[in-house]
């Protein structure tokens, strides 16, 4: 899925092996993932998609640059699973990553320019997700 604020951005579903980068998109108020070489196309992840960051994942923190030795914003992990949180609230971001140490970070809070690779897609999709993805694809293509 892509967060609500990415609905006006051209998007495509993630594929195993995609090399992603965290970025800001034109016409959007949020951050997300794009594939390396496709800076204007949001790569949408399904809940359960597993990612590996090339380096320790980081989120924005106001003190990170002031006192780097204290590791503000460092998440201590390179592996994460995509999930959605607060799905009953329409007025907030939902796209998040859950790390093995239990930390959950909104994708929009990730530091810009981080590289990750899609390791695995979820094992199954329910019919509603597949139909929604097909309708979205038809709207984008047609």
C-alpha atoms as a PDB file:
ATOM      1  CA  UNK A   1       0.000   0.000   0.000  1.00  0.00           C
ATOM      2  CA  UNK A   2       1.036   3.587  -0.312  1.00  0.00           C
ATOM      3  CA  UNK A   3       0.061   6.132   2.299  1.00  0.00           C
ATOM      4  CA  UNK A   4      -2.861   8.471   1.606  1.00  0.00           C
ATOM      5  CA  UNK A   5      -0.588  11.388   0.781  1.00  0.00           C
ATOM      6  CA  UNK A   6       1.043   9.437  -2.077  1.00  0.00           C
ATOM      7  CA  UNK A   7      -2.224   8.922  -3.975  1.00  0.00           C
ATOM      8  CA  UNK A   8      -1.327  11.755  -6.366  1.00  0.00           C
ATOM      9  CA  UNK A   9       2.066  10.214  -7.162  1.00  0.00           C
ATOM     10  CA  UNK A  10       2.651   7.640  -9.898  1.00  0.00           C
ATOM     11  CA  UNK A  11       3.225   4.323  -8.148  1.00  0.00           C
ATOM     12  CA  UNK A  12       3.898   0.655  -8.702  1.00  0.00           C
ATOM     13  CA  UNK A  13       3.947  -2.408  -6.452  1.00  0.00           C
ATOM     14  CA  UNK A  14       7.231  -3.597  -4.968  1.00  0.00           C
ATOM     15  CA  UNK A  15       8.981  -6.623  -6.413  1.00  0.00           C
ATOM     16  CA  UNK A  16      11.517  -8.942  -4.798  1.00  0.00           C
ATOM     17  CA  UNK A  17      14.987  -7.569  -5.454  1.00  0.00           C
ATOM     18  CA  UNK A  18      13.891  -3.934  -5.897  1.00  0.00           C
ATOM     19  CA  UNK A  19      16.582  -1.539  -4.708  1.00  0.00           C
ATOM     20  CA  UNK A  20      14.769   1.247  -2.889  1.00  0.00           C
ATOM     21  CA  UNK A  21      15.706   4.661  -1.592  1.00  0.00           C
ATOM     22  CA  UNK A  22      13.825   6.864   0.882  1.00  0.00           C
ATOM     23  CA  UNK A  23      12.731  10.075  -0.794  1.00  0.00           C
ATOM     24  CA  UNK A  24      10.331  13.013  -0.872  1.00  0.00           C
ATOM     25  CA  UNK A  25       7.954  13.126  -3.824  1.00  0.00           C
ATOM     26  CA  UNK A  26       6.739  16.162  -5.755  1.00  0.00           C
ATOM     27  CA  UNK A  27       3.015  16.815  -5.050  1.00  0.00           C
ATOM     28  CA  UNK A  28       3.189  14.951  -1.745  1.00  0.00           C
ATOM     29  CA  UNK A  29       3.573  15.878   1.901  1.00  0.00           C
ATOM     30  CA  UNK A  30       5.203  12.609   2.881  1.00  0.00           C
ATOM     31  CA  UNK A  31       8.237  10.450   2.339  1.00  0.00           C
ATOM     32  CA  UNK A  32       8.208   7.063   0.794  1.00  0.00           C
ATOM     33  CA  UNK A  33      10.259   4.627  -1.209  1.00  0.00           C
ATOM     34  CA  UNK A  34      11.233   4.884  -4.855  1.00  0.00           C
ATOM     35  CA  UNK A  35      13.332   2.437  -6.842  1.00  0.00           C
ATOM     36  CA  UNK A  36      16.886   3.424  -7.683  1.00  0.00           C
ATOM     37  CA  UNK A  37      16.656   5.026 -11.125  1.00  0.00           C
ATOM     38  CA  UNK A  38      12.916   5.800 -10.804  1.00  0.00           C
ATOM     39  CA  UNK A  39      12.865   8.905  -8.573  1.00  0.00           C
ATOM     40  CA  UNK A  40       9.331   9.997  -9.490  1.00  0.00           C
ATOM     41  CA  UNK A  41       7.614   6.621  -8.987  1.00  0.00           C
ATOM     42  CA  UNK A  42       6.536   5.568  -5.504  1.00  0.00           C
ATOM     43  CA  UNK A  43       7.109   1.885  -4.763  1.00  0.00           C
ATOM     44  CA  UNK A  44       4.195   0.621  -2.697  1.00  0.00           C
ATOM     45  CA  UNK A  45       4.746  -2.166  -0.199  1.00  0.00           C
ATOM     46  CA  UNK A  46       2.200  -4.679   1.017  1.00  0.00           C
ATOM     47  CA  UNK A  47       1.961  -5.400   4.736  1.00  0.00           C
ATOM     48  CA  UNK A  48       4.430  -8.172   5.505  1.00  0.00           C
ATOM     49  CA  UNK A  49       7.007  -7.131   2.896  1.00  0.00           C
ATOM     50  CA  UNK A  50      10.519  -7.610   4.278  1.00  0.00           C
ATOM     51  CA  UNK A  51      13.308  -5.096   3.646  1.00  0.00           C
ATOM     52  CA  UNK A  52      17.028  -5.022   4.350  1.00  0.00           C
ATOM     53  CA  UNK A  53      18.722  -1.649   4.696  1.00  0.00           C
ATOM     54  CA  UNK A  54      22.283  -1.367   3.383  1.00  0.00           C
ATOM     55  CA  UNK A  55      23.280   0.378   6.611  1.00  0.00           C
ATOM     56  CA  UNK A  56      21.687   0.796  10.022  1.00  0.00           C
ATOM     57  CA  UNK A  57      18.258   2.368   9.509  1.00  0.00           C
ATOM     58  CA  UNK A  58      17.770   5.909  10.776  1.00  0.00           C
ATOM     59  CA  UNK A  59      14.851   8.220  11.376  1.00  0.00           C
ATOM     60  CA  UNK A  60      14.869  11.997  11.580  1.00  0.00           C
ATOM     61  CA  UNK A  61      15.714  13.376  14.995  1.00  0.00           C
ATOM     62  CA  UNK A  62      16.227  17.055  15.855  1.00  0.00           C
ATOM     63  CA  UNK A  63      19.444  16.376  17.811  1.00  0.00           C
ATOM     64  CA  UNK A  64      21.049  13.872  15.409  1.00  0.00           C
ATOM     65  CA  UNK A  65      23.362  16.433  13.799  1.00  0.00           C
ATOM     66  CA  UNK A  66      24.081  18.338  16.998  1.00  0.00           C
ATOM     67  CA  UNK A  67      25.353  15.386  18.997  1.00  0.00           C
ATOM     68  CA  UNK A  68      26.075  12.483  16.605  1.00  0.00           C
ATOM     69  CA  UNK A  69      27.931  10.488  19.273  1.00  0.00           C
ATOM     70  CA  UNK A  70      24.639   9.973  21.154  1.00  0.00           C
ATOM     71  CA  UNK A  71      23.155   8.170  18.116  1.00  0.00           C
ATOM     72  CA  UNK A  72      19.860  10.087  18.071  1.00  0.00           C
ATOM     73  CA  UNK A  73      17.677   8.679  15.295  1.00  0.00           C
ATOM     74  CA  UNK A  74      19.704   5.469  14.904  1.00  0.00           C
ATOM     75  CA  UNK A  75      17.429   2.426  15.030  1.00  0.00           C
ATOM     76  CA  UNK A  76      20.065  -0.252  15.641  1.00  0.00           C
ATOM     77  CA  UNK A  77      18.665  -2.507  12.914  1.00  0.00           C
ATOM     78  CA  UNK A  78      19.005  -3.229   9.209  1.00  0.00           C
ATOM     79  CA  UNK A  79      16.034  -5.594   8.759  1.00  0.00           C
ATOM     80  CA  UNK A  80      12.400  -4.492   8.830  1.00  0.00           C
ATOM     81  CA  UNK A  81       8.898  -5.646   7.939  1.00  0.00           C
ATOM     82  CA  UNK A  82       6.397  -3.233   6.406  1.00  0.00           C
ATOM     83  CA  UNK A  83       3.079  -2.818   8.177  1.00  0.00           C
ATOM     84  CA  UNK A  84       0.269  -0.314   8.524  1.00  0.00           C
ATOM     85  CA  UNK A  85      -0.707   1.261  11.824  1.00  0.00           C
ATOM     86  CA  UNK A  86      -3.598   3.446  12.986  1.00  0.00           C
ATOM     87  CA  UNK A  87      -5.690   2.244  10.038  1.00  0.00           C
ATOM     88  CA  UNK A  88      -8.962   3.375  11.640  1.00  0.00           C
ATOM     89  CA  UNK A  89      -7.773   7.011  11.581  1.00  0.00           C
ATOM     90  CA  UNK A  90      -8.095   8.717   8.216  1.00  0.00           C
ATOM     91  CA  UNK A  91      -6.149  11.830   9.231  1.00  0.00           C
ATOM     92  CA  UNK A  92      -2.758  10.262   9.876  1.00  0.00           C
ATOM     93  CA  UNK A  93       0.024   8.340   8.162  1.00  0.00           C
ATOM     94  CA  UNK A  94      -0.278   4.562   8.226  1.00  0.00           C
ATOM     95  CA  UNK A  95       2.827   3.209   6.474  1.00  0.00           C
ATOM     96  CA  UNK A  96       5.396   1.982   8.986  1.00  0.00           C
ATOM     97  CA  UNK A  97       8.325  -0.372   9.394  1.00  0.00           C
ATOM     98  CA  UNK A  98       8.626  -2.765  12.297  1.00  0.00           C
ATOM     99  CA  UNK A  99      12.168  -3.717  13.238  1.00  0.00           C
ATOM    100  CA  UNK A 100      13.307  -6.911  14.963  1.00  0.00           C
ATOM    101  CA  UNK A 101      13.956  -5.003  18.204  1.00  0.00           C
ATOM    102  CA  UNK A 102      10.259  -4.053  18.328  1.00  0.00           C
ATOM    103  CA  UNK A 103      10.633  -0.434  17.210  1.00  0.00           C
ATOM    104  CA  UNK A 104       7.939   0.769  14.832  1.00  0.00           C
ATOM    105  CA  UNK A 105       8.742   3.832  12.728  1.00  0.00           C
ATOM    106  CA  UNK A 106       6.508   5.644  10.270  1.00  0.00           C
ATOM    107  CA  UNK A 107       8.012   5.562   6.771  1.00  0.00           C
ATOM    108  CA  UNK A 108       7.560   9.322   6.568  1.00  0.00           C
ATOM    109  CA  UNK A 109       9.957   9.710   9.531  1.00  0.00           C
ATOM    110  CA  UNK A 110      12.815   7.780   7.901  1.00  0.00           C
ATOM    111  CA  UNK A 111      15.915   9.796   7.053  1.00  0.00           C
ATOM    112  CA  UNK A 112      16.141  10.693   3.362  1.00  0.00           C
ATOM    113  CA  UNK A 113      18.536   8.861   1.073  1.00  0.00           C
ATOM    114  CA  UNK A 114      18.644   5.484   2.810  1.00  0.00           C
ATOM    115  CA  UNK A 115      19.013   2.430   0.603  1.00  0.00           C
ATOM    116  CA  UNK A 116      17.116  -0.825   1.140  1.00  0.00           C
ATOM    117  CA  UNK A 117      16.352  -3.942  -0.876  1.00  0.00           C
ATOM    118  CA  UNK A 118      13.073  -5.875  -0.989  1.00  0.00           C
ATOM    119  CA  UNK A 119      13.861  -9.347   0.329  1.00  0.00           C
ATOM    120  CA  UNK A 120      10.451 -10.951   0.409  1.00  0.00           C
ATOM    121  CA  UNK A 121       6.836 -10.159  -0.352  1.00  0.00           C
ATOM    122  CA  UNK A 122       4.047 -11.414   1.923  1.00  0.00           C
ATOM    123  CA  UNK A 123       3.160 -15.064   1.443  1.00  0.00           C
ATOM    124  CA  UNK A 124      -0.472 -14.409   0.592  1.00  0.00           C
ATOM    125  CA  UNK A 125      -2.812 -11.621  -0.367  1.00  0.00           C
ATOM    126  CA  UNK A 126      -6.470 -11.560   0.344  1.00  0.00           C
ATOM    127  CA  UNK A 127      -8.891 -11.042  -2.536  1.00  0.00           C
ATOM    128  CA  UNK A 128      -9.789  -7.466  -1.501  1.00  0.00           C
ATOM    129  CA  UNK A 129      -6.113  -6.391  -1.676  1.00  0.00           C
ATOM    130  CA  UNK A 130      -5.676  -7.998  -5.100  1.00  0.00           C
ATOM    131  CA  UNK A 131      -8.828  -6.354  -6.471  1.00  0.00           C
ATOM    132  CA  UNK A 132      -7.860  -2.958  -5.017  1.00  0.00           C
ATOM    133  CA  UNK A 133      -4.402  -3.262  -6.603  1.00  0.00           C
ATOM    134  CA  UNK A 134      -5.953  -4.193  -9.973  1.00  0.00           C
ATOM    135  CA  UNK A 135      -8.318  -1.194  -9.836  1.00  0.00           C
ATOM    136  CA  UNK A 136      -5.439   1.121  -8.943  1.00  0.00           C
ATOM    137  CA  UNK A 137      -3.385  -0.275 -11.804  1.00  0.00           C
ATOM    138  CA  UNK A 138      -6.238   0.247 -14.252  1.00  0.00           C
ATOM    139  CA  UNK A 139      -6.650   3.864 -13.153  1.00  0.00           C
ATOM    140  CA  UNK A 140      -2.914   4.567 -13.528  1.00  0.00           C
ATOM    141  CA  UNK A 141      -2.547   2.875 -16.895  1.00  0.00           C
ATOM    142  CA  UNK A 142      -5.903   3.834 -18.383  1.00  0.00           C
END
